[in-house]
C-alpha atoms as a PDB file:
ATOM      1  CA  MET A   1      23.691 -69.672 -17.461  1.00  0.00           C
ATOM      2  CA  LYS A   2      23.336 -68.810 -13.773  1.00  0.00           C
ATOM      3  CA  PHE A   3      24.513 -71.254 -11.140  1.00  0.00           C
ATOM      4  CA  SER A   4      24.638 -71.338  -7.358  1.00  0.00           C
ATOM      5  CA  LEU A   5      26.886 -73.350  -5.052  1.00  0.00           C
ATOM      6  CA  VAL A   6      25.539 -74.990  -1.880  1.00  0.00           C
ATOM      7  CA  ILE A   7      27.759 -76.313   0.927  1.00  0.00           C
ATOM      8  CA  PRO A   8      26.327 -77.922   4.089  1.00  0.00           C
ATOM      9  CA  THR A   9      28.794 -77.309   6.921  1.00  0.00           C
ATOM     10  CA  LEU A  10      29.502 -78.331  10.490  1.00  0.00           C
ATOM     11  CA  ASN A  11      32.863 -77.523  12.105  1.00  0.00           C
ATOM     12  CA  ALA A  12      34.800 -77.723   8.833  1.00  0.00           C
ATOM     13  CA  GLY A  13      38.125 -77.313  10.647  1.00  0.00           C
ATOM     14  CA  SER A  14      41.494 -76.584   9.046  1.00  0.00           C
ATOM     15  CA  LEU A  15      40.404 -77.602   5.536  1.00  0.00           C
ATOM     16  CA  TRP A  16      37.826 -74.806   5.389  1.00  0.00           C
ATOM     17  CA  LYS A  17      40.334 -72.040   4.658  1.00  0.00           C
ATOM     18  CA  LYS A  18      41.788 -74.187   1.873  1.00  0.00           C
ATOM     19  CA  PHE A  19      38.282 -74.751   0.514  1.00  0.00           C
ATOM     20  CA  ILE A  20      37.615 -71.000   0.427  1.00  0.00           C
ATOM     21  CA  SER A  21      40.968 -70.281  -1.261  1.00  0.00           C
ATOM     22  CA  ALA A  22      40.454 -72.979  -3.905  1.00  0.00           C
ATOM     23  CA  LEU A  23      36.980 -71.668  -4.709  1.00  0.00           C
ATOM     24  CA  ALA A  24      38.292 -68.103  -5.020  1.00  0.00           C
ATOM     25  CA  GLU A  25      40.792 -69.303  -7.647  1.00  0.00           C
ATOM     26  CA  GLN A  26      38.122 -70.774  -9.944  1.00  0.00           C
ATOM     27  CA  THR A  27      37.945 -69.315 -13.446  1.00  0.00           C
ATOM     28  CA  LEU A  28      34.162 -69.701 -13.321  1.00  0.00           C
ATOM     29  CA  GLN A  29      32.550 -68.264 -10.201  1.00  0.00           C
ATOM     30  CA  PRO A  30      29.052 -69.036  -8.882  1.00  0.00           C
ATOM     31  CA  ASP A  31      26.472 -66.275  -8.794  1.00  0.00           C
ATOM     32  CA  LEU A  32      25.776 -67.209  -5.184  1.00  0.00           C
ATOM     33  CA  VAL A  33      27.453 -69.366  -2.547  1.00  0.00           C
ATOM     34  CA  LEU A  34      25.000 -70.616   0.062  1.00  0.00           C
ATOM     35  CA  VAL A  35      26.334 -72.258   3.211  1.00  0.00           C
ATOM     36  CA  VAL A  36      23.826 -74.174   5.332  1.00  0.00           C
ATOM     37  CA  ASP A  37      25.524 -74.435   8.712  1.00  0.00           C
ATOM     38  CA  SER A  38      24.356 -76.896  11.363  1.00  0.00           C
ATOM     39  CA  GLY A  39      25.595 -75.061  14.451  1.00  0.00           C
ATOM     40  CA  SER A  40      29.355 -74.862  13.952  1.00  0.00           C
ATOM     41  CA  SER A  41      31.362 -73.959  17.055  1.00  0.00           C
ATOM     42  CA  ASP A  42      34.740 -73.474  15.333  1.00  0.00           C
ATOM     43  CA  GLY A  43      33.919 -70.329  13.327  1.00  0.00           C
ATOM     44  CA  THR A  44      33.141 -72.108  10.057  1.00  0.00           C
ATOM     45  CA  ASP A  45      30.045 -69.966   9.546  1.00  0.00           C
ATOM     46  CA  LEU A  46      31.880 -66.738  10.356  1.00  0.00           C
ATOM     47  CA  LEU A  47      34.675 -67.500   7.878  1.00  0.00           C
ATOM     48  CA  ALA A  48      32.010 -68.193   5.265  1.00  0.00           C
ATOM     49  CA  GLU A  49      30.420 -64.798   5.856  1.00  0.00           C
ATOM     50  CA  LYS A  50      33.822 -63.130   5.698  1.00  0.00           C
ATOM     51  CA  ALA A  51      34.390 -64.780   2.301  1.00  0.00           C
ATOM     52  CA  GLY A  52      31.139 -63.243   1.048  1.00  0.00           C
ATOM     53  CA  TYR A  53      29.018 -66.382   1.216  1.00  0.00           C
ATOM     54  CA  ARG A  54      25.396 -66.297   2.265  1.00  0.00           C
ATOM     55  CA  VAL A  55      24.968 -68.324   5.470  1.00  0.00           C
ATOM     56  CA  HIS A  56      21.743 -69.981   6.558  1.00  0.00           C
ATOM     57  CA  ARG A  57      21.907 -71.453  10.060  1.00  0.00           C
ATOM     58  CA  ILE A  58      19.918 -74.477  11.214  1.00  0.00           C
ATOM     59  CA  GLU A  59      19.842 -76.497  14.424  1.00  0.00           C
ATOM     60  CA  ARG A  60      22.319 -79.371  14.444  1.00  0.00           C
ATOM     61  CA  GLU A  61      19.649 -81.956  15.231  1.00  0.00           C
ATOM     62  CA  SER A  62      17.541 -80.814  12.259  1.00  0.00           C
ATOM     63  CA  PHE A  63      20.202 -81.726   9.674  1.00  0.00           C
ATOM     64  CA  ASN A  64      19.161 -84.351   7.147  1.00  0.00           C
ATOM     65  CA  HIS A  65      21.232 -85.295   4.098  1.00  0.00           C
ATOM     66  CA  GLY A  66      18.362 -84.973   1.647  1.00  0.00           C
ATOM     67  CA  GLY A  67      16.119 -82.584   3.548  1.00  0.00           C
ATOM     68  CA  THR A  68      18.842 -80.013   4.203  1.00  0.00           C
ATOM     69  CA  ARG A  69      19.896 -80.019   0.558  1.00  0.00           C
ATOM     70  CA  GLN A  70      16.290 -79.573  -0.554  1.00  0.00           C
ATOM     71  CA  LEU A  71      15.941 -76.727   1.946  1.00  0.00           C
ATOM     72  CA  ALA A  72      18.956 -75.078   0.310  1.00  0.00           C
ATOM     73  CA  VAL A  73      17.433 -75.462  -3.157  1.00  0.00           C
ATOM     74  CA  ASP A  74      14.226 -73.854  -1.908  1.00  0.00           C
ATOM     75  CA  LEU A  75      16.216 -70.913  -0.472  1.00  0.00           C
ATOM     76  CA  LEU A  76      18.016 -70.128  -3.731  1.00  0.00           C
ATOM     77  CA  PRO A  77      17.073 -67.163  -5.912  1.00  0.00           C
ATOM     78  CA  PRO A  78      16.223 -67.981  -9.573  1.00  0.00           C
ATOM     79  CA  THR A  79      19.089 -70.027 -11.029  1.00  0.00           C
ATOM     80  CA  ASP A  80      19.654 -72.573 -13.787  1.00  0.00           C
ATOM     81  CA  ILE A  81      22.075 -74.951 -12.059  1.00  0.00           C
ATOM     82  CA  VAL A  82      22.809 -75.797  -8.433  1.00  0.00           C
ATOM     83  CA  VAL A  83      26.224 -77.210  -7.542  1.00  0.00           C
ATOM     84  CA  PHE A  84      26.644 -79.166  -4.309  1.00  0.00           C
ATOM     85  CA  MET A  85      29.939 -79.660  -2.498  1.00  0.00           C
ATOM     86  CA  THR A  86      30.942 -80.931   0.911  1.00  0.00           C
ATOM     87  CA  GLN A  87      33.219 -78.935   3.188  1.00  0.00           C
ATOM     88  CA  ASP A  88      36.067 -81.451   2.882  1.00  0.00           C
ATOM     89  CA  ALA A  89      36.254 -81.511  -0.924  1.00  0.00           C
ATOM     90  CA  LEU A  90      39.017 -79.275  -2.297  1.00  0.00           C
ATOM     91  CA  LEU A  91      38.797 -78.071  -5.888  1.00  0.00           C
ATOM     92  CA  GLU A  92      41.903 -79.483  -7.556  1.00  0.00           C
ATOM     93  CA  SER A  93      42.140 -77.214 -10.604  1.00  0.00           C
ATOM     94  CA  PRO A  94      41.167 -73.569 -11.250  1.00  0.00           C
ATOM     95  CA  ASN A  95      39.010 -74.973 -14.068  1.00  0.00           C
ATOM     96  CA  SER A  96      37.210 -77.661 -12.034  1.00  0.00           C
ATOM     97  CA  MET A  97      33.986 -75.689 -11.792  1.00  0.00           C
ATOM     98  CA  LYS A  98      34.115 -74.710 -15.461  1.00  0.00           C
ATOM     99  CA  PHE A  99      34.561 -78.326 -16.554  1.00  0.00           C
ATOM    100  CA  LEU A 100      31.658 -79.432 -14.341  1.00  0.00           C
ATOM    101  CA  LEU A 101      29.267 -76.820 -15.721  1.00  0.00           C
ATOM    102  CA  LYS A 102      30.206 -77.214 -19.370  1.00  0.00           C
ATOM    103  CA  CYS A 103      28.641 -80.702 -19.354  1.00  0.00           C
ATOM    104  CA  PHE A 104      25.194 -79.116 -19.388  1.00  0.00           C
ATOM    105  CA  ALA A 105      25.883 -77.888 -22.921  1.00  0.00           C
ATOM    106  CA  HIS A 106      25.849 -81.502 -24.187  1.00  0.00           C
ATOM    107  CA  LYS A 107      23.649 -81.795 -27.272  1.00  0.00           C
ATOM    108  CA  GLY A 108      23.406 -85.566 -27.674  1.00  0.00           C
ATOM    109  CA  GLY A 109      19.649 -85.954 -27.552  1.00  0.00           C
ATOM    110  CA  CYS A 110      17.787 -85.234 -24.313  1.00  0.00           C
ATOM    111  CA  SER A 111      18.953 -82.723 -21.734  1.00  0.00           C
ATOM    112  CA  VAL A 112      21.558 -83.388 -19.057  1.00  0.00           C
ATOM    113  CA  GLY A 113      19.954 -83.403 -15.617  1.00  0.00           C
ATOM    114  CA  ALA A 114      22.971 -83.978 -13.369  1.00  0.00           C
ATOM    115  CA  VAL A 115      26.775 -84.025 -13.487  1.00  0.00           C
ATOM    116  CA  CYS A 116      29.256 -85.597 -11.079  1.00  0.00           C
ATOM    117  CA  GLY A 117      32.938 -84.630 -10.941  1.00  0.00           C
ATOM    118  CA  ARG A 118      35.966 -86.801 -10.324  1.00  0.00           C
ATOM    119  CA  GLN A 119      37.272 -87.279  -6.782  1.00  0.00           C
ATOM    120  CA  LEU A 120      40.980 -87.798  -6.277  1.00  0.00           C
ATOM    121  CA  PRO A 121      42.307 -89.056  -2.926  1.00  0.00           C
ATOM    122  CA  HIS A 122      43.697 -86.534  -0.480  1.00  0.00           C
ATOM    123  CA  ILE A 123      47.487 -86.497  -0.208  1.00  0.00           C
ATOM    124  CA  ASN A 124      47.319 -88.256   3.182  1.00  0.00           C
ATOM    125  CA  ALA A 125      44.914 -90.983   2.001  1.00  0.00           C
ATOM    126  CA  THR A 126      45.682 -94.559   3.035  1.00  0.00           C
ATOM    127  CA  PRO A 127      46.101 -97.189   0.288  1.00  0.00           C
ATOM    128  CA  ILE A 128      42.591 -98.491   1.062  1.00  0.00           C
ATOM    129  CA  ALA A 129      41.088 -94.985   0.796  1.00  0.00           C
ATOM    130  CA  SER A 130      43.089 -94.273  -2.364  1.00  0.00           C
ATOM    131  CA  HIS A 131      41.853 -97.436  -4.067  1.00  0.00           C
ATOM    132  CA  SER A 132      38.259 -96.498  -3.289  1.00  0.00           C
ATOM    133  CA  ARG A 133      38.613 -93.220  -5.185  1.00  0.00           C
ATOM    134  CA  LEU A 134      40.645 -94.681  -8.056  1.00  0.00           C
ATOM    135  CA  TYR A 135      38.144 -97.531  -8.525  1.00  0.00           C
ATOM    136  CA  ASN A 136      35.012 -95.411  -8.457  1.00  0.00           C
ATOM    137  CA  TYR A 137      36.317 -92.289 -10.198  1.00  0.00           C
ATOM    138  CA  LYS A 138      37.899 -93.305 -13.480  1.00  0.00           C
ATOM    139  CA  GLU A 139      40.102 -91.281 -15.822  1.00  0.00           C
ATOM    140  CA  LYS A 140      37.502 -91.378 -18.600  1.00  0.00           C
ATOM    141  CA  SER A 141      34.290 -89.340 -18.635  1.00  0.00           C
ATOM    142  CA  ASN A 142      30.957 -91.041 -19.258  1.00  0.00           C
ATOM    143  CA  ILE A 143      27.351 -90.216 -20.133  1.00  0.00           C
ATOM    144  CA  PHE A 144      24.467 -92.268 -18.745  1.00  0.00           C
ATOM    145  CA  SER A 145      20.907 -92.566 -19.990  1.00  0.00           C
ATOM    146  CA  LYS A 146      17.870 -94.687 -19.239  1.00  0.00           C
ATOM    147  CA  ASP A 147      19.039 -97.104 -21.935  1.00  0.00           C
ATOM    148  CA  ASP A 148      22.130 -97.959 -19.850  1.00  0.00           C
ATOM    149  CA  ILE A 149      20.164 -99.262 -16.857  1.00  0.00           C
ATOM    150  CA  PRO A 150      19.767-102.889 -18.061  1.00  0.00           C
ATOM    151  CA  ARG A 151      23.518-103.120 -18.720  1.00  0.00           C
ATOM    152  CA  LEU A 152      24.958-101.121 -15.813  1.00  0.00           C
ATOM    153  CA  GLY A 153      22.354-101.443 -13.080  1.00  0.00           C
ATOM    154  CA  LEU A 154      23.329 -99.448  -9.995  1.00  0.00           C
ATOM    155  CA  LYS A 155      26.431 -98.077 -11.721  1.00  0.00           C
ATOM    156  CA  SER A 156      24.179 -96.001 -13.973  1.00  0.00           C
ATOM    157  CA  THR A 157      23.118 -93.938 -10.919  1.00  0.00           C
ATOM    158  CA  PHE A 158      26.702 -92.931 -10.078  1.00  0.00           C
ATOM    159  CA  MET A 159      26.614 -89.589  -8.262  1.00  0.00           C
ATOM    160  CA  SER A 160      28.164 -87.856  -5.258  1.00  0.00           C
ATOM    161  CA  ASP A 161      27.142 -84.583  -3.668  1.00  0.00           C
ATOM    162  CA  SER A 162      30.741 -83.948  -2.641  1.00  0.00           C
ATOM    163  CA  PHE A 163      31.049 -82.393  -6.113  1.00  0.00           C
ATOM    164  CA  SER A 164      27.989 -82.515  -8.328  1.00  0.00           C
ATOM    165  CA  ALA A 165      25.618 -80.234 -10.198  1.00  0.00           C
ATOM    166  CA  TYR A 166      21.924 -80.483 -10.980  1.00  0.00           C
ATOM    167  CA  SER A 167      19.646 -78.759 -13.446  1.00  0.00           C
ATOM    168  CA  ILE A 168      16.949 -76.905 -11.544  1.00  0.00           C
ATOM    169  CA  GLU A 169      14.525 -77.929 -14.278  1.00  0.00           C
ATOM    170  CA  ALA A 170      15.332 -81.609 -13.733  1.00  0.00           C
ATOM    171  CA  LEU A 171      15.175 -81.249  -9.941  1.00  0.00           C
ATOM    172  CA  LYS A 172      11.696 -79.768 -10.124  1.00  0.00           C
ATOM    173  CA  LYS A 173      10.511 -82.387 -12.588  1.00  0.00           C
ATOM    174  CA  VAL A 174      11.433 -85.301 -10.317  1.00  0.00           C
ATOM    175  CA  GLY A 175      10.380 -83.641  -7.050  1.00  0.00           C
ATOM    176  CA  GLY A 176      13.795 -82.788  -5.633  1.00  0.00           C
ATOM    177  CA  PHE A 177      15.794 -84.697  -3.024  1.00  0.00           C
ATOM    178  CA  GLU A 178      14.378 -87.479  -0.887  1.00  0.00           C
ATOM    179  CA  THR A 179      13.921 -85.797   2.491  1.00  0.00           C
ATOM    180  CA  SER A 180      13.557 -88.850   4.749  1.00  0.00           C
ATOM    181  CA  VAL A 181      16.555 -91.053   3.873  1.00  0.00           C
ATOM    182  CA  VAL A 182      19.609 -91.483   6.080  1.00  0.00           C
ATOM    183  CA  VAL A 183      22.101 -91.414   3.144  1.00  0.00           C
ATOM    184  CA  CYS A 184      22.182 -92.010  -0.641  1.00  0.00           C
ATOM    185  CA  GLU A 185      20.042 -88.966  -1.420  1.00  0.00           C
ATOM    186  CA  ASP A 186      22.348 -88.276  -4.370  1.00  0.00           C
ATOM    187  CA  THR A 187      22.058 -91.724  -5.998  1.00  0.00           C
ATOM    188  CA  PHE A 188      18.295 -91.859  -5.471  1.00  0.00           C
ATOM    189  CA  LEU A 189      18.002 -88.464  -7.139  1.00  0.00           C
ATOM    190  CA  ALA A 190      20.233 -89.557 -10.020  1.00  0.00           C
ATOM    191  CA  GLY A 191      18.073 -92.649 -10.461  1.00  0.00           C
ATOM    192  CA  ARG A 192      14.876 -90.608 -10.688  1.00  0.00           C
ATOM    193  CA  ILE A 193      16.528 -88.179 -13.101  1.00  0.00           C
ATOM    194  CA  LEU A 194      17.508 -91.066 -15.386  1.00  0.00           C
ATOM    195  CA  LEU A 195      14.066 -92.649 -15.217  1.00  0.00           C
ATOM    196  CA  SER A 196      12.477 -89.314 -16.128  1.00  0.00           C
ATOM    197  CA  GLY A 197      14.409 -89.236 -19.424  1.00  0.00           C
ATOM    198  CA  TYR A 198      17.331 -86.952 -18.597  1.00  0.00           C
ATOM    199  CA  LYS A 199      20.966 -87.945 -18.961  1.00  0.00           C
ATOM    200  CA  THR A 200      23.601 -87.811 -16.242  1.00  0.00           C
ATOM    201  CA  VAL A 201      27.303 -87.202 -16.804  1.00  0.00           C
ATOM    202  CA  TYR A 202      30.486 -88.235 -15.035  1.00  0.00           C
ATOM    203  CA  SER A 203      33.151 -85.626 -15.818  1.00  0.00           C
ATOM    204  CA  ALA A 204      36.722 -86.830 -15.275  1.00  0.00           C
ATOM    205  CA  GLU A 205      37.986 -83.311 -16.111  1.00  0.00           C
ATOM    206  CA  ALA A 206      36.186 -81.689 -13.176  1.00  0.00           C
ATOM    207  CA  THR A 207      38.325 -82.712 -10.213  1.00  0.00           C
ATOM    208  CA  VAL A 208      38.374 -82.326  -6.442  1.00  0.00           C
ATOM    209  CA  ARG A 209      40.443 -83.877  -3.671  1.00  0.00           C
ATOM    210  CA  HIS A 210      38.135 -85.847  -1.422  1.00  0.00           C
ATOM    211  CA  SER A 211      38.652 -89.062   0.543  1.00  0.00           C
ATOM    212  CA  HIS A 212      38.256 -90.460   4.060  1.00  0.00           C
ATOM    213  CA  ASN A 213      40.610 -92.558   6.172  1.00  0.00           C
ATOM    214  CA  PHE A 214      37.766 -94.293   7.975  1.00  0.00           C
ATOM    215  CA  GLY A 215      38.347 -96.754  10.785  1.00  0.00           C
ATOM    216  CA  LEU A 216      36.849-100.249  10.617  1.00  0.00           C
ATOM    217  CA  LEU A 217      33.693 -99.479  12.566  1.00  0.00           C
ATOM    218  CA  GLU A 218      33.234 -96.056  10.998  1.00  0.00           C
ATOM    219  CA  GLU A 219      33.072 -97.523   7.519  1.00  0.00           C
ATOM    220  CA  ALA A 220      30.980-100.502   8.585  1.00  0.00           C
ATOM    221  CA  ARG A 221      28.439 -98.141  10.124  1.00  0.00           C
ATOM    222  CA  ARG A 222      28.298 -96.143   6.908  1.00  0.00           C
ATOM    223  CA  TYR A 223      27.371 -99.348   5.092  1.00  0.00           C
ATOM    224  CA  PHE A 224      24.674-100.064   7.644  1.00  0.00           C
ATOM    225  CA  ASP A 225      23.199 -96.689   6.699  1.00  0.00           C
ATOM    226  CA  ILE A 226      23.408 -97.523   2.989  1.00  0.00           C
ATOM    227  CA  GLY A 227      21.536-100.755   3.676  1.00  0.00           C
ATOM    228  CA  VAL A 228      18.872 -98.822   5.596  1.00  0.00           C
ATOM    229  CA  ALA A 229      18.547 -96.356   2.729  1.00  0.00           C
ATOM    230  CA  HIS A 230      18.183 -99.135   0.144  1.00  0.00           C
ATOM    231  CA  ALA A 231      15.580-100.888   2.299  1.00  0.00           C
ATOM    232  CA  SER A 232      13.554 -97.693   2.595  1.00  0.00           C
ATOM    233  CA  GLN A 233      13.494 -97.113  -1.184  1.00  0.00           C
ATOM    234  CA  SER A 234      12.354-100.436  -2.629  1.00  0.00           C
ATOM    235  CA  TRP A 235      11.715 -98.840  -6.029  1.00  0.00           C
ATOM    236  CA  PHE A 236      15.447 -98.163  -6.374  1.00  0.00           C
ATOM    237  CA  ILE A 237      16.490-101.803  -6.020  1.00  0.00           C
ATOM    238  CA  GLU A 238      13.600-102.901  -8.241  1.00  0.00           C
ATOM    239  CA  GLU A 239      14.661-100.508 -11.018  1.00  0.00           C
ATOM    240  CA  PHE A 240      18.456-100.771 -10.747  1.00  0.00           C
ATOM    241  CA  GLY A 241      19.164-104.155  -9.153  1.00  0.00           C
ATOM    242  CA  GLU A 242      21.091-105.456  -6.150  1.00  0.00           C
ATOM    243  CA  PRO A 243      24.583-104.113  -5.350  1.00  0.00           C
ATOM    244  CA  GLU A 244      26.322-107.397  -4.459  1.00  0.00           C
ATOM    245  CA  GLY A 245      27.794-108.008  -7.924  1.00  0.00           C
ATOM    246  CA  GLU A 246      29.478-104.632  -7.932  1.00  0.00           C
ATOM    247  CA  GLY A 247      30.725-105.258  -4.401  1.00  0.00           C
ATOM    248  CA  PHE A 248      32.543-108.424  -5.455  1.00  0.00           C
ATOM    249  CA  ARG A 249      34.105-106.610  -8.437  1.00  0.00           C
ATOM    250  CA  TYR A 250      35.319-103.936  -6.044  1.00  0.00           C
ATOM    251  CA  MET A 251      36.913-106.524  -3.752  1.00  0.00           C
ATOM    252  CA  ARG A 252      38.784-108.179  -6.637  1.00  0.00           C
ATOM    253  CA  SER A 253      40.097-104.807  -7.772  1.00  0.00           C
ATOM    254  CA  GLU A 254      41.143-103.919  -4.230  1.00  0.00           C
ATOM    255  CA  VAL A 255      43.074-107.186  -3.829  1.00  0.00           C
ATOM    256  CA  ARG A 256      44.982-106.570  -7.067  1.00  0.00           C
ATOM    257  CA  TYR A 257      45.711-102.970  -6.091  1.00  0.00           C
ATOM    258  CA  LEU A 258      46.974-103.767  -2.602  1.00  0.00           C
ATOM    259  CA  LEU A 259      49.133-106.642  -3.843  1.00  0.00           C
ATOM    260  CA  ARG A 260      50.998-104.024  -5.896  1.00  0.00           C
ATOM    261  CA  ILE A 261      50.928-101.077  -3.522  1.00  0.00           C
ATOM    262  CA  SER A 262      50.758-102.410   0.051  1.00  0.00           C
ATOM    263  CA  PRO A 263      50.435-106.207   0.462  1.00  0.00           C
ATOM    264  CA  VAL A 264      50.650-105.905   4.247  1.00  0.00           C
ATOM    265  CA  MET A 265      47.237-104.194   4.271  1.00  0.00           C
ATOM    266  CA  LEU A 266      45.477-106.984   2.384  1.00  0.00           C
ATOM    267  CA  PRO A 267      44.187-108.967   5.417  1.00  0.00           C
ATOM    268  CA  LEU A 268      42.791-105.770   6.953  1.00  0.00           C
ATOM    269  CA  ALA A 269      41.122-104.817   3.674  1.00  0.00           C
ATOM    270  CA  ILE A 270      39.454-108.206   3.284  1.00  0.00           C
ATOM    271  CA  PHE A 271      38.194-108.166   6.869  1.00  0.00           C
ATOM    272  CA  ARG A 272      36.946-104.603   6.339  1.00  0.00           C
ATOM    273  CA  ASP A 273      35.035-105.612   3.203  1.00  0.00           C
ATOM    274  CA  VAL A 274      33.404-108.571   4.965  1.00  0.00           C
ATOM    275  CA  LEU A 275      32.390-106.301   7.851  1.00  0.00           C
ATOM    276  CA  LYS A 276      30.944-103.743   5.412  1.00  0.00           C
ATOM    277  CA  TYR A 277      28.839-106.449   3.788  1.00  0.00           C
ATOM    278  CA  VAL A 278      27.562-107.754   7.140  1.00  0.00           C
ATOM    279  CA  PHE A 279      26.579-104.247   8.256  1.00  0.00           C
ATOM    280  CA  TYR A 280      24.957-103.527   4.887  1.00  0.00           C
ATOM    281  CA  ARG A 281      22.793-106.638   5.190  1.00  0.00           C
ATOM    282  CA  LEU A 282      21.884-105.654   8.757  1.00  0.00           C
ATOM    283  CA  GLY A 283      20.811-102.277   7.407  1.00  0.00           C
ATOM    284  CA  ARG A 284      18.585-103.953   4.838  1.00  0.00           C
ATOM    285  CA  LYS A 285      16.836-105.714   7.771  1.00  0.00           C
ATOM    286  CA  GLU A 286      16.596-102.627   9.984  1.00  0.00           C
ATOM    287  CA  LYS A 287      12.817-102.936  10.423  1.00  0.00           C
ATOM    288  CA  TYR A 288      13.479-105.972  12.632  1.00  0.00           C
ATOM    289  CA  LEU A 289      15.900-104.084  14.876  1.00  0.00           C
ATOM    290  CA  SER A 290      15.130-101.914  17.885  1.00  0.00           C
ATOM    291  CA  ASN A 291      15.784 -98.188  17.666  1.00  0.00           C
ATOM    292  CA  ASN A 292      18.534 -98.490  20.268  1.00  0.00           C
ATOM    293  CA  ILE A 293      20.358-101.125  18.188  1.00  0.00           C
ATOM    294  CA  LYS A 294      19.971 -99.036  15.038  1.00  0.00           C
ATOM    295  CA  LYS A 295      21.449 -95.983  16.751  1.00  0.00           C
ATOM    296  CA  ASN A 296      24.478 -98.035  17.802  1.00  0.00           C
ATOM    297  CA  LEU A 297      24.988 -99.543  14.347  1.00  0.00           C
ATOM    298  CA  SER A 298      24.479 -96.317  12.402  1.00  0.00           C
ATOM    299  CA  TYR A 299      27.089 -93.744  11.431  1.00  0.00           C
ATOM    300  CA  GLN A 300      24.355 -91.079  11.253  1.00  0.00           C
ATOM    301  CA  ARG A 301      23.131 -91.447  14.833  1.00  0.00           C
ATOM    302  CA  TYR A 302      21.290 -88.115  14.676  1.00  0.00           C
ATOM    303  CA  PHE A 303      18.950 -89.613  12.049  1.00  0.00           C
ATOM    304  CA  TRP A 304      17.460 -92.080  14.494  1.00  0.00           C
ATOM    305  CA  LYS A 305      16.937 -89.365  17.065  1.00  0.00           C
ATOM    306  CA  ASN A 306      15.015 -87.400  14.450  1.00  0.00           C
ATOM    307  CA  GLU A 307      13.087 -90.469  13.348  1.00  0.00           C
ATOM    308  CA  CYS A 308      12.105 -91.305  16.904  1.00  0.00           C
ATOM    309  CA  GLY A 309      11.145 -87.739  17.736  1.00  0.00           C
END
């Protein structure tokens, strides 16, 4: 089974050397590593070439979460599986890649179309960032199918391109990544893969270190973008339901976690969650907002520049 690894990059910084070292230690190596670099000025692209990766350079303003990933898929030579990672996700175990890929050998009925690995918080993660990873990335693996949608709703589309793999066959069948969404290209793709009859897998054995210590406004703006993405893909909400119920479950879990780990952070966490919800709802109503307001509310400001020409 041939597989390729794709990494979109932009000024990866000090973590990039660690990324390259961790990948070199994997017991299962990709047939090709393709880096799509959006105009790095810190030598990220040059280090990638030195490591033996193929580098494809694009203009920074042309980057698009879904479109750039689809571009990478289109650039690949014949392969069976494409693995996607982000530049700030560090492979935790020498067997992480092997555990991710072995999920495609599952024989429980229909084929597996996509696999998502487990993300552990970085060593310097705040309690709030740590809870986010521990809540979303459980210790137990899981398999999702179309039959799980009525019970799990949005949770059945769980996916993250920080460490995930897709069957090329499944990608082609569903038409690849959405190329005009600001974020959530991974969950939309997982949703279409499920609806087409494939299964998706969450592998708790395949681990990376990946988390973000976002500030209040940074995270709120990310949720504005999620709201925009959900508003632009009405089929997704119609098929998988609204996210509010899961959001309240997350808040309850966060309160319990912080009461044990860091009670002093609880007021900040609650305010943060309220702000995230407000920005998400604003994103859902983005068609009523001016482009200037959307640029100021969005974490992906470049997207609105592209959208406006």
